[in-house]
Amino acid sequence: MDFMLEEEMIDLLTFCLQNPGSNEIESKKLRLKQVGKEIFNDGGVDAMENFFFTVENRIEGEIEKSPKPFRSLWNGISDKWNYQ
């Protein structure tokens, strides 16, 4: 399951980074929030950190753009996750 969520998250973030003006961005962000909740429910904040780190490295390596601005989409899932 983790592998499928990782691939989905990479696809979602890559789309958002490469198509910032798309009318699909809001639906992609909504799904990213849901993925964050699934990851948290499965493994807590540590799983969220590990997951995002792995995805971030792959995206930066593949398209040379940082998904860090999207970390804040997971704010509110846990008090321990708070990014600007």
PDB file of N, CA and C in Angstrom:
ATOM      1  N   MET A   1       0.819  -1.189   0.000  1.00  0.00           N
ATOM      2  CA  MET A   1       0.000   0.000   0.000  1.00  0.00           C
ATOM      3  C   MET A   1       0.867   1.258   0.000  1.00  0.00           C
ATOM      4  N   ASP A   2       1.932   1.242   0.790  1.00  0.00           N
ATOM      5  CA  ASP A   2       2.796   2.417   0.845  1.00  0.00           C
ATOM      6  C   ASP A   2       3.359   2.770  -0.519  1.00  0.00           C
ATOM      7  N   PHE A   3       3.749   1.751  -1.268  1.00  0.00           N
ATOM      8  CA  PHE A   3       4.314   2.002  -2.590  1.00  0.00           C
ATOM      9  C   PHE A   3       3.296   2.682  -3.489  1.00  0.00           C
ATOM     10  N   MET A   4       2.057   2.240  -3.438  1.00  0.00           N
ATOM     11  CA  MET A   4       1.018   2.841  -4.279  1.00  0.00           C
ATOM     12  C   MET A   4       0.757   4.286  -3.870  1.00  0.00           C
ATOM     13  N   LEU A   5       0.714   4.553  -2.570  1.00  0.00           N
ATOM     14  CA  LEU A   5       0.523   5.925  -2.102  1.00  0.00           C
ATOM     15  C   LEU A   5       1.706   6.803  -2.483  1.00  0.00           C
ATOM     16  N   GLU A   6       2.899   6.251  -2.398  1.00  0.00           N
ATOM     17  CA  GLU A   6       4.089   7.012  -2.773  1.00  0.00           C
ATOM     18  C   GLU A   6       4.033   7.402  -4.249  1.00  0.00           C
ATOM     19  N   GLU A   7       3.705   6.465  -5.101  1.00  0.00           N
ATOM     20  CA  GLU A   7       3.625   6.752  -6.534  1.00  0.00           C
ATOM     21  C   GLU A   7       2.516   7.760  -6.835  1.00  0.00           C
ATOM     22  N   GLU A   8       1.384   7.609  -6.159  1.00  0.00           N
ATOM     23  CA  GLU A   8       0.287   8.555  -6.364  1.00  0.00           C
ATOM     24  C   GLU A   8       0.701   9.951  -5.916  1.00  0.00           C
ATOM     25  N   MET A   9       1.366  10.036  -4.769  1.00  0.00           N
ATOM     26  CA  MET A   9       1.794  11.331  -4.261  1.00  0.00           C
ATOM     27  C   MET A   9       2.811  11.979  -5.196  1.00  0.00           C
ATOM     28  N   ILE A  10       3.719  11.202  -5.733  1.00  0.00           N
ATOM     29  CA  ILE A  10       4.697  11.719  -6.695  1.00  0.00           C
ATOM     30  C   ILE A  10       3.976  12.260  -7.917  1.00  0.00           C
ATOM     31  N   ASP A  11       3.012  11.518  -8.421  1.00  0.00           N
ATOM     32  CA  ASP A  11       2.247  11.977  -9.583  1.00  0.00           C
ATOM     33  C   ASP A  11       1.494  13.272  -9.293  1.00  0.00           C
ATOM     34  N   LEU A  12       0.859  13.349  -8.127  1.00  0.00           N
ATOM     35  CA  LEU A  12       0.086  14.534  -7.761  1.00  0.00           C
ATOM     36  C   LEU A  12       0.985  15.756  -7.620  1.00  0.00           C
ATOM     37  N   LEU A  13       2.065  15.605  -6.883  1.00  0.00           N
ATOM     38  CA  LEU A  13       2.970  16.733  -6.668  1.00  0.00           C
ATOM     39  C   LEU A  13       3.660  17.161  -7.961  1.00  0.00           C
ATOM     40  N   THR A  14       4.069  16.203  -8.753  1.00  0.00           N
ATOM     41  CA  THR A  14       4.702  16.525 -10.026  1.00  0.00           C
ATOM     42  C   THR A  14       3.740  17.308 -10.910  1.00  0.00           C
ATOM     43  N   PHE A  15       2.493  16.877 -10.961  1.00  0.00           N
ATOM     44  CA  PHE A  15       1.493  17.602 -11.749  1.00  0.00           C
ATOM     45  C   PHE A  15       1.360  19.034 -11.246  1.00  0.00           C
ATOM     46  N   CYS A  16       1.230  19.203  -9.934  1.00  0.00           N
ATOM     47  CA  CYS A  16       1.054  20.538  -9.354  1.00  0.00           C
ATOM     48  C   CYS A  16       2.252  21.434  -9.643  1.00  0.00           C
ATOM     49  N   LEU A  17       3.444  20.883  -9.549  1.00  0.00           N
ATOM     50  CA  LEU A  17       4.649  21.668  -9.783  1.00  0.00           C
ATOM     51  C   LEU A  17       4.830  22.029 -11.255  1.00  0.00           C
ATOM     52  N   GLN A  18       4.410  21.155 -12.138  1.00  0.00           N
ATOM     53  CA  GLN A  18       4.600  21.398 -13.560  1.00  0.00           C
ATOM     54  C   GLN A  18       3.429  22.144 -14.207  1.00  0.00           C
ATOM     55  N   ASN A  19       2.293  22.208 -13.529  1.00  0.00           N
ATOM     56  CA  ASN A  19       1.096  22.843 -14.088  1.00  0.00           C
ATOM     57  C   ASN A  19       0.448  23.777 -13.061  1.00  0.00           C
ATOM     58  N   PRO A  20       1.184  24.781 -12.583  1.00  0.00           N
ATOM     59  CA  PRO A  20       0.664  25.611 -11.490  1.00  0.00           C
ATOM     60  C   PRO A  20      -0.616  26.381 -11.830  1.00  0.00           C
ATOM     61  N   GLY A  21      -0.893  26.593 -13.079  1.00  0.00           N
ATOM     62  CA  GLY A  21      -2.096  27.343 -13.462  1.00  0.00           C
ATOM     63  C   GLY A  21      -3.277  26.466 -13.833  1.00  0.00           C
ATOM     64  N   SER A  22      -3.148  25.172 -13.678  1.00  0.00           N
ATOM     65  CA  SER A  22      -4.203  24.246 -14.077  1.00  0.00           C
ATOM     66  C   SER A  22      -5.436  24.383 -13.184  1.00  0.00           C
ATOM     67  N   ASN A  23      -6.588  24.151 -13.794  1.00  0.00           N
ATOM     68  CA  ASN A  23      -7.829  24.167 -13.012  1.00  0.00           C
ATOM     69  C   ASN A  23      -8.002  22.875 -12.212  1.00  0.00           C
ATOM     70  N   GLU A  24      -7.088  21.937 -12.347  1.00  0.00           N
ATOM     71  CA  GLU A  24      -7.138  20.677 -11.594  1.00  0.00           C
ATOM     72  C   GLU A  24      -6.351  20.743 -10.285  1.00  0.00           C
ATOM     73  N   ILE A  25      -5.656  21.847 -10.039  1.00  0.00           N
ATOM     74  CA  ILE A  25      -4.786  21.950  -8.869  1.00  0.00           C
ATOM     75  C   ILE A  25      -5.545  21.718  -7.564  1.00  0.00           C
ATOM     76  N   GLU A  26      -6.709  22.312  -7.416  1.00  0.00           N
ATOM     77  CA  GLU A  26      -7.449  22.177  -6.152  1.00  0.00           C
ATOM     78  C   GLU A  26      -7.845  20.735  -5.875  1.00  0.00           C
ATOM     79  N   SER A  27      -8.252  20.007  -6.904  1.00  0.00           N
ATOM     80  CA  SER A  27      -8.613  18.600  -6.686  1.00  0.00           C
ATOM     81  C   SER A  27      -7.367  17.768  -6.361  1.00  0.00           C
ATOM     82  N   LYS A  28      -6.241  18.122  -6.953  1.00  0.00           N
ATOM     83  CA  LYS A  28      -4.984  17.420  -6.652  1.00  0.00           C
ATOM     84  C   LYS A  28      -4.568  17.700  -5.206  1.00  0.00           C
ATOM     85  N   LYS A  29      -4.711  18.951  -4.764  1.00  0.00           N
ATOM     86  CA  LYS A  29      -4.371  19.299  -3.383  1.00  0.00           C
ATOM     87  C   LYS A  29      -5.284  18.576  -2.398  1.00  0.00           C
ATOM     88  N   LEU A  30      -6.546  18.464  -2.727  1.00  0.00           N
ATOM     89  CA  LEU A  30      -7.484  17.743  -1.867  1.00  0.00           C
ATOM     90  C   LEU A  30      -7.046  16.287  -1.715  1.00  0.00           C
ATOM     91  N   ARG A  31      -6.661  15.667  -2.805  1.00  0.00           N
ATOM     92  CA  ARG A  31      -6.207  14.281  -2.740  1.00  0.00           C
ATOM     93  C   ARG A  31      -4.907  14.178  -1.948  1.00  0.00           C
ATOM     94  N   LEU A  32      -4.008  15.162  -2.096  1.00  0.00           N
ATOM     95  CA  LEU A  32      -2.779  15.157  -1.309  1.00  0.00           C
ATOM     96  C   LEU A  32      -3.080  15.212   0.180  1.00  0.00           C
ATOM     97  N   LYS A  33      -4.079  15.977   0.572  1.00  0.00           N
ATOM     98  CA  LYS A  33      -4.488  16.029   1.975  1.00  0.00           C
ATOM     99  C   LYS A  33      -4.990  14.666   2.439  1.00  0.00           C
ATOM    100  N   GLN A  34      -5.765  14.004   1.599  1.00  0.00           N
ATOM    101  CA  GLN A  34      -6.283  12.679   1.946  1.00  0.00           C
ATOM    102  C   GLN A  34      -5.153  11.664   2.089  1.00  0.00           C
ATOM    103  N   VAL A  35      -4.171  11.754   1.205  1.00  0.00           N
ATOM    104  CA  VAL A  35      -3.010  10.859   1.285  1.00  0.00           C
ATOM    105  C   VAL A  35      -2.288  11.082   2.606  1.00  0.00           C
ATOM    106  N   GLY A  36      -2.116  12.336   3.002  1.00  0.00           N
ATOM    107  CA  GLY A  36      -1.479  12.644   4.279  1.00  0.00           C
ATOM    108  C   GLY A  36      -2.212  12.018   5.447  1.00  0.00           C
ATOM    109  N   LYS A  37      -3.538  12.079   5.421  1.00  0.00           N
ATOM    110  CA  LYS A  37      -4.337  11.474   6.492  1.00  0.00           C
ATOM    111  C   LYS A  37      -4.168   9.962   6.508  1.00  0.00           C
ATOM    112  N   GLU A  38      -4.138   9.354   5.335  1.00  0.00           N
ATOM    113  CA  GLU A  38      -3.944   7.903   5.260  1.00  0.00           C
ATOM    114  C   GLU A  38      -2.582   7.503   5.835  1.00  0.00           C
ATOM    115  N   ILE A  39      -1.558   8.270   5.482  1.00  0.00           N
ATOM    116  CA  ILE A  39      -0.217   7.978   5.980  1.00  0.00           C
ATOM    117  C   ILE A  39      -0.174   8.143   7.497  1.00  0.00           C
ATOM    118  N   PHE A  40      -0.764   9.224   7.994  1.00  0.00           N
ATOM    119  CA  PHE A  40      -0.790   9.465   9.439  1.00  0.00           C
ATOM    120  C   PHE A  40      -1.528   8.342  10.161  1.00  0.00           C
ATOM    121  N   ASN A  41      -2.668   7.956   9.645  1.00  0.00           N
ATOM    122  CA  ASN A  41      -3.450   6.887  10.278  1.00  0.00           C
ATOM    123  C   ASN A  41      -2.689   5.574  10.307  1.00  0.00           C
ATOM    124  N   ASP A  42      -1.842   5.364   9.324  1.00  0.00           N
ATOM    125  CA  ASP A  42      -1.093   4.118   9.234  1.00  0.00           C
ATOM    126  C   ASP A  42       0.168   4.123  10.097  1.00  0.00           C
ATOM    127  N   GLY A  43       0.825   5.317  10.244  1.00  0.00           N
ATOM    128  CA  GLY A  43       2.098   5.306  10.948  1.00  0.00           C
ATOM    129  C   GLY A  43       2.454   6.550  11.736  1.00  0.00           C
ATOM    130  N   GLY A  44       1.536   7.499  11.822  1.00  0.00           N
ATOM    131  CA  GLY A  44       1.792   8.701  12.609  1.00  0.00           C
ATOM    132  C   GLY A  44       2.677   9.716  11.904  1.00  0.00           C
ATOM    133  N   VAL A  45       3.151  10.669  12.693  1.00  0.00           N
ATOM    134  CA  VAL A  45       3.951  11.771  12.159  1.00  0.00           C
ATOM    135  C   VAL A  45       5.277  11.283  11.594  1.00  0.00           C
ATOM    136  N   ASP A  46       5.878  10.289  12.223  1.00  0.00           N
ATOM    137  CA  ASP A  46       7.144   9.759  11.703  1.00  0.00           C
ATOM    138  C   ASP A  46       6.965   9.226  10.289  1.00  0.00           C
ATOM    139  N   ALA A  47       5.876   8.549  10.044  1.00  0.00           N
ATOM    140  CA  ALA A  47       5.603   8.031   8.706  1.00  0.00           C
ATOM    141  C   ALA A  47       5.408   9.189   7.717  1.00  0.00           C
ATOM    142  N   MET A  48       4.735  10.241   8.154  1.00  0.00           N
ATOM    143  CA  MET A  48       4.540  11.412   7.290  1.00  0.00           C
ATOM    144  C   MET A  48       5.887  12.025   6.909  1.00  0.00           C
ATOM    145  N   GLU A  49       6.768  12.198   7.910  1.00  0.00           N
ATOM    146  CA  GLU A  49       8.098  12.768   7.655  1.00  0.00           C
ATOM    147  C   GLU A  49       8.889  11.893   6.681  1.00  0.00           C
ATOM    148  N   ASN A  50       8.912  10.594   6.941  1.00  0.00           N
ATOM    149  CA  ASN A  50       9.663   9.675   6.079  1.00  0.00           C
ATOM    150  C   ASN A  50       9.106   9.654   4.666  1.00  0.00           C
ATOM    151  N   PHE A  51       7.812   9.630   4.573  1.00  0.00           N
ATOM    152  CA  PHE A  51       7.142   9.589   3.280  1.00  0.00           C
ATOM    153  C   PHE A  51       7.466  10.833   2.473  1.00  0.00           C
ATOM    154  N   PHE A  52       7.291  11.996   3.101  1.00  0.00           N
ATOM    155  CA  PHE A  52       7.523  13.235   2.366  1.00  0.00           C
ATOM    156  C   PHE A  52       8.987  13.365   1.966  1.00  0.00           C
ATOM    157  N   PHE A  53       9.895  12.957   2.839  1.00  0.00           N
ATOM    158  CA  PHE A  53      11.316  13.007   2.532  1.00  0.00           C
ATOM    159  C   PHE A  53      11.640  12.178   1.287  1.00  0.00           C
ATOM    160  N   THR A  54      11.122  10.977   1.240  1.00  0.00           N
ATOM    161  CA  THR A  54      11.366  10.094   0.092  1.00  0.00           C
ATOM    162  C   THR A  54      10.800  10.682  -1.188  1.00  0.00           C
ATOM    163  N   VAL A  55       9.564  11.155  -1.115  1.00  0.00           N
ATOM    164  CA  VAL A  55       8.904  11.732  -2.285  1.00  0.00           C
ATOM    165  C   VAL A  55       9.640  12.989  -2.733  1.00  0.00           C
ATOM    166  N   GLU A  56      10.024  13.820  -1.779  1.00  0.00           N
ATOM    167  CA  GLU A  56      10.740  15.057  -2.089  1.00  0.00           C
ATOM    168  C   GLU A  56      12.029  14.768  -2.854  1.00  0.00           C
ATOM    169  N   ASN A  57      12.789  13.802  -2.382  1.00  0.00           N
ATOM    170  CA  ASN A  57      14.047  13.456  -3.050  1.00  0.00           C
ATOM    171  C   ASN A  57      13.819  12.959  -4.469  1.00  0.00           C
ATOM    172  N   ARG A  58      12.821  12.151  -4.663  1.00  0.00           N
ATOM    173  CA  ARG A  58      12.547  11.647  -6.019  1.00  0.00           C
ATOM    174  C   ARG A  58      12.126  12.762  -6.954  1.00  0.00           C
ATOM    175  N   ILE A  59      11.250  13.629  -6.484  1.00  0.00           N
ATOM    176  CA  ILE A  59      10.765  14.710  -7.348  1.00  0.00           C
ATOM    177  C   ILE A  59      11.899  15.670  -7.687  1.00  0.00           C
ATOM    178  N   GLU A  60      12.678  16.038  -6.686  1.00  0.00           N
ATOM    179  CA  GLU A  60      13.804  16.945  -6.949  1.00  0.00           C
ATOM    180  C   GLU A  60      14.783  16.316  -7.933  1.00  0.00           C
ATOM    181  N   GLY A  61      14.990  15.021  -7.844  1.00  0.00           N
ATOM    182  CA  GLY A  61      15.878  14.329  -8.765  1.00  0.00           C
ATOM    183  C   GLY A  61      15.316  14.212 -10.175  1.00  0.00           C
ATOM    184  N   GLU A  62      14.007  14.068 -10.274  1.00  0.00           N
ATOM    185  CA  GLU A  62      13.384  13.850 -11.582  1.00  0.00           C
ATOM    186  C   GLU A  62      13.052  15.140 -12.322  1.00  0.00           C
ATOM    187  N   ILE A  63      12.520  16.137 -11.618  1.00  0.00           N
ATOM    188  CA  ILE A  63      12.104  17.357 -12.328  1.00  0.00           C
ATOM    189  C   ILE A  63      12.794  18.621 -11.807  1.00  0.00           C
ATOM    190  N   GLU A  64      13.685  18.445 -10.832  1.00  0.00           N
ATOM    191  CA  GLU A  64      14.467  19.555 -10.294  1.00  0.00           C
ATOM    192  C   GLU A  64      13.609  20.694  -9.748  1.00  0.00           C
ATOM    193  N   LYS A  65      12.512  20.335  -9.110  1.00  0.00           N
ATOM    194  CA  LYS A  65      11.649  21.294  -8.426  1.00  0.00           C
ATOM    195  C   LYS A  65      11.359  20.743  -7.043  1.00  0.00           C
ATOM    196  N   SER A  66      11.198  21.655  -6.092  1.00  0.00           N
ATOM    197  CA  SER A  66      10.963  21.235  -4.715  1.00  0.00           C
ATOM    198  C   SER A  66       9.472  21.224  -4.374  1.00  0.00           C
ATOM    199  N   PRO A  67       8.995  20.113  -3.812  1.00  0.00           N
ATOM    200  CA  PRO A  67       7.599  20.050  -3.384  1.00  0.00           C
ATOM    201  C   PRO A  67       7.384  20.588  -1.962  1.00  0.00           C
ATOM    202  N   LYS A  68       8.431  21.151  -1.331  1.00  0.00           N
ATOM    203  CA  LYS A  68       8.321  21.605   0.053  1.00  0.00           C
ATOM    204  C   LYS A  68       7.135  22.540   0.307  1.00  0.00           C
ATOM    205  N   PRO A  69       6.769  23.430  -0.611  1.00  0.00           N
ATOM    206  CA  PRO A  69       5.619  24.298  -0.330  1.00  0.00           C
ATOM    207  C   PRO A  69       4.312  23.533  -0.086  1.00  0.00           C
ATOM    208  N   PHE A  70       4.250  22.316  -0.532  1.00  0.00           N
ATOM    209  CA  PHE A  70       3.034  21.519  -0.376  1.00  0.00           C
ATOM    210  C   PHE A  70       2.961  20.805   0.974  1.00  0.00           C
ATOM    211  N   ARG A  71       4.037  20.860   1.745  1.00  0.00           N
ATOM    212  CA  ARG A  71       4.030  20.234   3.080  1.00  0.00           C
ATOM    213  C   ARG A  71       2.923  20.811   3.951  1.00  0.00           C
ATOM    214  N   SER A  72       2.651  22.081   3.772  1.00  0.00           N
ATOM    215  CA  SER A  72       1.638  22.737   4.615  1.00  0.00           C
ATOM    216  C   SER A  72       0.232  22.190   4.379  1.00  0.00           C
ATOM    217  N   LEU A  73       0.029  21.469   3.294  1.00  0.00           N
ATOM    218  CA  LEU A  73      -1.287  20.862   3.048  1.00  0.00           C
ATOM    219  C   LEU A  73      -1.644  19.854   4.140  1.00  0.00           C
ATOM    220  N   TRP A  74      -0.631  19.315   4.800  1.00  0.00           N
ATOM    221  CA  TRP A  74      -0.871  18.328   5.844  1.00  0.00           C
ATOM    222  C   TRP A  74      -1.003  18.961   7.225  1.00  0.00           C
ATOM    223  N   ASN A  75      -0.867  20.286   7.306  1.00  0.00           N
ATOM    224  CA  ASN A  75      -1.078  20.956   8.594  1.00  0.00           C
ATOM    225  C   ASN A  75      -2.496  20.655   9.071  1.00  0.00           C
ATOM    226  N   GLY A  76      -2.619  20.419  10.363  1.00  0.00           N
ATOM    227  CA  GLY A  76      -3.928  20.114  10.929  1.00  0.00           C
ATOM    228  C   GLY A  76      -4.185  18.627  11.095  1.00  0.00           C
ATOM    229  N   ILE A  77      -3.398  17.799  10.424  1.00  0.00           N
ATOM    230  CA  ILE A  77      -3.552  16.353  10.607  1.00  0.00           C
ATOM    231  C   ILE A  77      -3.058  15.966  11.995  1.00  0.00           C
ATOM    232  N   SER A  78      -1.975  16.604  12.408  1.00  0.00           N
ATOM    233  CA  SER A  78      -1.400  16.381  13.730  1.00  0.00           C
ATOM    234  C   SER A  78      -0.832  17.700  14.237  1.00  0.00           C
ATOM    235  N   ASP A  79      -0.869  17.900  15.548  1.00  0.00           N
ATOM    236  CA  ASP A  79      -0.273  19.101  16.137  1.00  0.00           C
ATOM    237  C   ASP A  79       1.236  19.140  15.922  1.00  0.00           C
ATOM    238  N   LYS A  80       1.830  17.994  15.692  1.00  0.00           N
ATOM    239  CA  LYS A  80       3.280  17.915  15.507  1.00  0.00           C
ATOM    240  C   LYS A  80       3.707  18.233  14.077  1.00  0.00           C
ATOM    241  N   TRP A  81       2.766  18.353  13.175  1.00  0.00           N
ATOM    242  CA  TRP A  81       3.072  18.681  11.773  1.00  0.00           C
ATOM    243  C   TRP A  81       2.616  20.107  11.526  1.00  0.00           C
ATOM    244  N   ASN A  82       3.587  21.015  11.409  1.00  0.00           N
ATOM    245  CA  ASN A  82       3.225  22.414  11.219  1.00  0.00           C
ATOM    246  C   ASN A  82       4.279  23.082  10.344  1.00  0.00           C
ATOM    247  N   TYR A  83       3.979  23.200   9.080  1.00  0.00           N
ATOM    248  CA  TYR A  83       4.916  23.801   8.138  1.00  0.00           C
ATOM    249  C   TYR A  83       4.261  24.989   7.448  1.00  0.00           C
ATOM    250  N   GLN A  84       5.085  25.955   7.112  1.00  0.00           N
ATOM    251  CA  GLN A  84       4.604  27.141   6.398  1.00  0.00           C
ATOM    252  C   GLN A  84       4.748  26.982   4.915  1.00  0.00           C
TER     253      GLN A  84
END
